[in-house]
Amino acid sequence: MRKGINIFHILFCFLFVACEQRGEQWYRKFDKYEKQIDKKFPSVETPFPEHYDFLCMQETANNISFPRIIPSYAVLHFDKFYKSDIHLTFEQMNDIIVILNDTANYCWGELGTPYFDRVITFHNSEGDCIGITYFDFGGQTYSYPFNSKMKWGLMRTNKLYELIRKIE
């Protein structure tokens, strides 16, 4: 009996450590994409309510949107080891871009500590990453390169559900 419990504990610990490492590795795989984006596109100032209108006018005047150039394709990444990444259809990709670029879809605020279980990467025809969006099903999104129109990334509930329907 004692031997069975020890083996169970060892297996449980091994599984726990393996899952934790998988989670860390999953997030790290997007670092290279963020570096590609940082090299190509300058950062935009994080908006605060008092500067928001001015920053949005600047973005509109300079034709700045997310992603900065039109992507050729997008890939949806899952944090689950049993789910494979999938290429989004052109229609899905365009619908998502419209939702992400509409300032009315966001409200001021942030979640405490979001858990991003879906990531969409946007790519040009050469395969370079030109945009990345992290999703938390609680409503938090983080997109790179960032737009002021996205406020702090907290999506309104109805738009979050619409976005989820587009990718699921």
C-alpha atoms as a PDB file:
ATOM      1  CA  MET A   1       0.000   0.000   0.000  1.00  0.00           C
ATOM      2  CA  ARG A   2       2.762   2.421   0.926  1.00  0.00           C
ATOM      3  CA  LYS A   3       4.619   1.673  -2.292  1.00  0.00           C
ATOM      4  CA  GLY A   4       1.462   2.378  -4.345  1.00  0.00           C
ATOM      5  CA  ILE A   5       0.989   5.761  -2.707  1.00  0.00           C
ATOM      6  CA  ASN A   6       4.594   6.750  -3.358  1.00  0.00           C
ATOM      7  CA  ILE A   7       4.330   5.812  -7.031  1.00  0.00           C
ATOM      8  CA  PHE A   8       1.067   7.761  -7.262  1.00  0.00           C
ATOM      9  CA  HIS A   9       2.720  10.845  -5.730  1.00  0.00           C
ATOM     10  CA  ILE A  10       5.689  10.594  -8.054  1.00  0.00           C
ATOM     11  CA  LEU A  11       3.443  10.295 -11.114  1.00  0.00           C
ATOM     12  CA  PHE A  12       1.267  13.173  -9.938  1.00  0.00           C
ATOM     13  CA  CYS A  13       4.303  15.413  -9.338  1.00  0.00           C
ATOM     14  CA  PHE A  14       5.773  14.506 -12.721  1.00  0.00           C
ATOM     15  CA  LEU A  15       2.499  15.318 -14.478  1.00  0.00           C
ATOM     16  CA  PHE A  16       2.155  18.618 -12.598  1.00  0.00           C
ATOM     17  CA  VAL A  17       5.707  19.712 -13.464  1.00  0.00           C
ATOM     18  CA  ALA A  18       5.282  18.662 -17.104  1.00  0.00           C
ATOM     19  CA  CYS A  19       2.063  20.695 -17.430  1.00  0.00           C
ATOM     20  CA  GLU A  20       3.633  23.746 -15.778  1.00  0.00           C
ATOM     21  CA  GLN A  21       6.640  23.616 -18.091  1.00  0.00           C
ATOM     22  CA  ARG A  22       4.346  23.200 -21.083  1.00  0.00           C
ATOM     23  CA  GLY A  23       2.486  26.358 -20.050  1.00  0.00           C
ATOM     24  CA  GLU A  24       5.685  28.373 -19.746  1.00  0.00           C
ATOM     25  CA  GLN A  25       6.993  27.075 -23.064  1.00  0.00           C
ATOM     26  CA  TRP A  26       3.667  27.892 -24.694  1.00  0.00           C
ATOM     27  CA  TYR A  27       3.912  31.550 -23.676  1.00  0.00           C
ATOM     28  CA  ARG A  28       7.607  31.768 -24.606  1.00  0.00           C
ATOM     29  CA  LYS A  29       6.931  30.717 -28.179  1.00  0.00           C
ATOM     30  CA  PHE A  30       5.281  34.096 -28.781  1.00  0.00           C
ATOM     31  CA  ASP A  31       8.333  36.093 -27.652  1.00  0.00           C
ATOM     32  CA  LYS A  32       9.894  35.715 -31.096  1.00  0.00           C
ATOM     33  CA  TYR A  33       6.743  37.124 -32.681  1.00  0.00           C
ATOM     34  CA  GLU A  34       6.736  40.136 -30.380  1.00  0.00           C
ATOM     35  CA  LYS A  35      10.386  40.801 -31.267  1.00  0.00           C
ATOM     36  CA  GLN A  36       9.560  40.631 -34.996  1.00  0.00           C
ATOM     37  CA  ILE A  37       6.758  43.145 -34.484  1.00  0.00           C
ATOM     38  CA  ASP A  38       8.909  45.489 -32.364  1.00  0.00           C
ATOM     39  CA  LYS A  39      11.522  45.646 -35.140  1.00  0.00           C
ATOM     40  CA  LYS A  40       8.974  46.568 -37.809  1.00  0.00           C
ATOM     41  CA  PHE A  41       6.496  48.815 -36.063  1.00  0.00           C
ATOM     42  CA  PRO A  42       7.051  51.591 -33.526  1.00  0.00           C
ATOM     43  CA  SER A  43       5.193  51.451 -30.233  1.00  0.00           C
ATOM     44  CA  VAL A  44       2.183  53.656 -29.646  1.00  0.00           C
ATOM     45  CA  GLU A  45       1.701  55.515 -26.385  1.00  0.00           C
ATOM     46  CA  THR A  46      -0.574  53.747 -23.897  1.00  0.00           C
ATOM     47  CA  PRO A  47      -3.707  55.866 -23.652  1.00  0.00           C
ATOM     48  CA  PHE A  48      -5.203  57.370 -20.562  1.00  0.00           C
ATOM     49  CA  PRO A  49      -8.719  58.776 -20.628  1.00  0.00           C
ATOM     50  CA  GLU A  50      -7.467  62.372 -20.584  1.00  0.00           C
ATOM     51  CA  HIS A  51      -5.302  61.865 -23.740  1.00  0.00           C
ATOM     52  CA  TYR A  52      -7.496  59.306 -25.466  1.00  0.00           C
ATOM     53  CA  ASP A  53      -9.296  61.579 -27.955  1.00  0.00           C
ATOM     54  CA  PHE A  54      -6.052  63.208 -29.081  1.00  0.00           C
ATOM     55  CA  LEU A  55      -4.272  59.864 -29.551  1.00  0.00           C
ATOM     56  CA  CYS A  56      -7.211  58.423 -31.508  1.00  0.00           C
ATOM     57  CA  MET A  57      -7.233  61.477 -33.790  1.00  0.00           C
ATOM     58  CA  GLN A  58      -3.510  60.963 -34.401  1.00  0.00           C
ATOM     59  CA  GLU A  59      -4.050  57.301 -35.264  1.00  0.00           C
ATOM     60  CA  THR A  60      -6.884  58.149 -37.632  1.00  0.00           C
ATOM     61  CA  ALA A  61      -4.893  60.951 -39.295  1.00  0.00           C
ATOM     62  CA  ASN A  62      -1.897  58.641 -39.768  1.00  0.00           C
ATOM     63  CA  ASN A  63      -4.058  55.672 -40.860  1.00  0.00           C
ATOM     64  CA  ILE A  64      -2.798  53.513 -37.968  1.00  0.00           C
ATOM     65  CA  SER A  65      -4.753  50.350 -37.283  1.00  0.00           C
ATOM     66  CA  PHE A  66      -4.151  46.825 -36.034  1.00  0.00           C
ATOM     67  CA  PRO A  67      -2.220  45.147 -37.507  1.00  0.00           C
ATOM     68  CA  ARG A  68      -0.256  47.927 -39.203  1.00  0.00           C
ATOM     69  CA  ILE A  69      -0.384  46.220 -42.610  1.00  0.00           C
ATOM     70  CA  ILE A  70      -2.975  43.874 -44.087  1.00  0.00           C
ATOM     71  CA  PRO A  71      -2.185  40.274 -43.123  1.00  0.00           C
ATOM     72  CA  SER A  72      -2.212  37.363 -45.545  1.00  0.00           C
ATOM     73  CA  TYR A  73      -3.272  34.831 -42.942  1.00  0.00           C
ATOM     74  CA  ALA A  74      -3.863  34.305 -39.227  1.00  0.00           C
ATOM     75  CA  VAL A  75      -3.238  31.361 -36.913  1.00  0.00           C
ATOM     76  CA  LEU A  76      -5.208  30.562 -33.753  1.00  0.00           C
ATOM     77  CA  HIS A  77      -3.041  29.014 -31.037  1.00  0.00           C
ATOM     78  CA  PHE A  78      -4.429  27.082 -28.071  1.00  0.00           C
ATOM     79  CA  ASP A  79      -2.737  26.555 -24.726  1.00  0.00           C
ATOM     80  CA  LYS A  80      -3.924  22.941 -24.545  1.00  0.00           C
ATOM     81  CA  PHE A  81      -1.486  20.246 -25.614  1.00  0.00           C
ATOM     82  CA  TYR A  82      -4.331  18.231 -27.125  1.00  0.00           C
ATOM     83  CA  LYS A  83      -5.433  21.041 -29.490  1.00  0.00           C
ATOM     84  CA  SER A  84      -3.515  21.862 -32.633  1.00  0.00           C
ATOM     85  CA  ASP A  85      -3.059  25.374 -33.946  1.00  0.00           C
ATOM     86  CA  ILE A  86      -5.480  26.219 -36.753  1.00  0.00           C
ATOM     87  CA  HIS A  87      -5.398  28.641 -39.652  1.00  0.00           C
ATOM     88  CA  LEU A  88      -8.347  31.000 -39.587  1.00  0.00           C
ATOM     89  CA  THR A  89     -10.360  31.573 -42.736  1.00  0.00           C
ATOM     90  CA  PHE A  90      -9.919  34.900 -44.499  1.00  0.00           C
ATOM     91  CA  GLU A  91     -13.445  35.853 -43.410  1.00  0.00           C
ATOM     92  CA  GLN A  92     -12.750  34.982 -39.752  1.00  0.00           C
ATOM     93  CA  MET A  93      -9.509  36.955 -39.837  1.00  0.00           C
ATOM     94  CA  ASN A  94     -11.163  40.051 -41.304  1.00  0.00           C
ATOM     95  CA  ASP A  95     -14.091  39.889 -38.871  1.00  0.00           C
ATOM     96  CA  ILE A  96     -11.672  39.668 -35.940  1.00  0.00           C
ATOM     97  CA  ILE A  97      -9.619  42.615 -37.204  1.00  0.00           C
ATOM     98  CA  VAL A  98     -12.787  44.733 -37.490  1.00  0.00           C
ATOM     99  CA  ILE A  99     -13.777  43.862 -33.909  1.00  0.00           C
ATOM    100  CA  LEU A 100     -10.278  44.564 -32.552  1.00  0.00           C
ATOM    101  CA  ASN A 101     -10.051  47.969 -34.270  1.00  0.00           C
ATOM    102  CA  ASP A 102     -13.425  49.317 -33.117  1.00  0.00           C
ATOM    103  CA  THR A 103     -12.930  51.492 -30.052  1.00  0.00           C
ATOM    104  CA  ALA A 104     -16.596  51.061 -29.059  1.00  0.00           C
ATOM    105  CA  ASN A 105     -15.836  47.387 -28.326  1.00  0.00           C
ATOM    106  CA  TYR A 106     -13.592  48.302 -25.381  1.00  0.00           C
ATOM    107  CA  CYS A 107     -14.205  49.851 -21.990  1.00  0.00           C
ATOM    108  CA  TRP A 108     -11.722  51.459 -19.627  1.00  0.00           C
ATOM    109  CA  GLY A 109     -10.326  48.912 -17.221  1.00  0.00           C
ATOM    110  CA  GLU A 110      -8.239  45.784 -16.915  1.00  0.00           C
ATOM    111  CA  LEU A 111      -8.571  42.370 -15.332  1.00  0.00           C
ATOM    112  CA  GLY A 112      -6.373  41.636 -12.346  1.00  0.00           C
ATOM    113  CA  THR A 113      -4.281  38.805 -13.733  1.00  0.00           C
ATOM    114  CA  PRO A 114      -5.512  37.539 -17.067  1.00  0.00           C
ATOM    115  CA  TYR A 115      -4.928  33.976 -18.228  1.00  0.00           C
ATOM    116  CA  PHE A 116      -4.466  33.940 -21.968  1.00  0.00           C
ATOM    117  CA  ASP A 117      -5.658  30.634 -23.344  1.00  0.00           C
ATOM    118  CA  ARG A 118      -6.007  31.719 -26.964  1.00  0.00           C
ATOM    119  CA  VAL A 119      -3.552  33.664 -29.088  1.00  0.00           C
ATOM    120  CA  ILE A 120      -3.998  34.815 -32.667  1.00  0.00           C
ATOM    121  CA  THR A 121      -0.950  35.623 -34.727  1.00  0.00           C
ATOM    122  CA  PHE A 122      -1.303  37.608 -37.949  1.00  0.00           C
ATOM    123  CA  HIS A 123       1.255  37.048 -40.718  1.00  0.00           C
ATOM    124  CA  ASN A 124       2.292  38.639 -43.990  1.00  0.00           C
ATOM    125  CA  SER A 125       2.787  36.662 -47.208  1.00  0.00           C
ATOM    126  CA  GLU A 126       6.431  35.910 -46.254  1.00  0.00           C
ATOM    127  CA  GLY A 127       5.302  34.312 -42.986  1.00  0.00           C
ATOM    128  CA  ASP A 128       6.572  37.118 -40.729  1.00  0.00           C
ATOM    129  CA  CYS A 129       4.389  37.915 -37.762  1.00  0.00           C
ATOM    130  CA  ILE A 130       2.912  41.422 -38.116  1.00  0.00           C
ATOM    131  CA  GLY A 131       0.420  41.288 -35.244  1.00  0.00           C
ATOM    132  CA  ILE A 132      -0.451  39.218 -32.202  1.00  0.00           C
ATOM    133  CA  THR A 133      -3.492  39.233 -29.921  1.00  0.00           C
ATOM    134  CA  TYR A 134      -3.712  37.434 -26.583  1.00  0.00           C
ATOM    135  CA  PHE A 135      -7.217  36.554 -25.307  1.00  0.00           C
ATOM    136  CA  ASP A 136      -8.525  35.907 -21.837  1.00  0.00           C
ATOM    137  CA  PHE A 137     -12.105  34.674 -21.755  1.00  0.00           C
ATOM    138  CA  GLY A 138     -12.718  37.088 -18.891  1.00  0.00           C
ATOM    139  CA  GLY A 139     -12.507  39.894 -21.444  1.00  0.00           C
ATOM    140  CA  GLN A 140      -8.886  41.036 -21.429  1.00  0.00           C
ATOM    141  CA  THR A 141      -7.059  41.285 -24.747  1.00  0.00           C
ATOM    142  CA  TYR A 142      -3.528  42.439 -25.448  1.00  0.00           C
ATOM    143  CA  SER A 143      -2.578  43.201 -29.026  1.00  0.00           C
ATOM    144  CA  TYR A 144       0.834  44.031 -30.480  1.00  0.00           C
ATOM    145  CA  PRO A 145       1.398  46.446 -32.054  1.00  0.00           C
ATOM    146  CA  PHE A 146      -0.917  48.319 -29.730  1.00  0.00           C
ATOM    147  CA  ASN A 147      -3.494  50.941 -30.763  1.00  0.00           C
ATOM    148  CA  SER A 148      -4.824  53.689 -28.530  1.00  0.00           C
ATOM    149  CA  LYS A 149      -8.328  52.843 -29.768  1.00  0.00           C
ATOM    150  CA  MET A 150      -8.036  49.579 -27.831  1.00  0.00           C
ATOM    151  CA  LYS A 151      -7.958  51.585 -24.588  1.00  0.00           C
ATOM    152  CA  TRP A 152      -6.453  49.150 -22.028  1.00  0.00           C
ATOM    153  CA  GLY A 153      -7.672  46.046 -23.818  1.00  0.00           C
ATOM    154  CA  LEU A 154     -10.773  45.178 -21.777  1.00  0.00           C
ATOM    155  CA  MET A 155     -13.490  44.130 -24.211  1.00  0.00           C
ATOM    156  CA  ARG A 156     -17.171  44.696 -23.660  1.00  0.00           C
ATOM    157  CA  THR A 157     -18.895  41.402 -22.868  1.00  0.00           C
ATOM    158  CA  ASN A 158     -21.082  41.281 -25.979  1.00  0.00           C
ATOM    159  CA  LYS A 159     -18.091  41.881 -28.266  1.00  0.00           C
ATOM    160  CA  LEU A 160     -15.991  39.339 -26.402  1.00  0.00           C
ATOM    161  CA  TYR A 161     -18.680  36.713 -27.023  1.00  0.00           C
ATOM    162  CA  GLU A 162     -18.877  37.715 -30.671  1.00  0.00           C
ATOM    163  CA  LEU A 163     -15.117  37.356 -30.948  1.00  0.00           C
ATOM    164  CA  ILE A 164     -15.189  33.939 -29.274  1.00  0.00           C
ATOM    165  CA  ARG A 165     -17.897  32.779 -31.691  1.00  0.00           C
ATOM    166  CA  LYS A 166     -15.669  33.819 -34.588  1.00  0.00           C
ATOM    167  CA  ILE A 167     -12.704  31.745 -33.406  1.00  0.00           C
ATOM    168  CA  GLU A 168     -14.396  28.678 -31.906  1.00  0.00           C
END
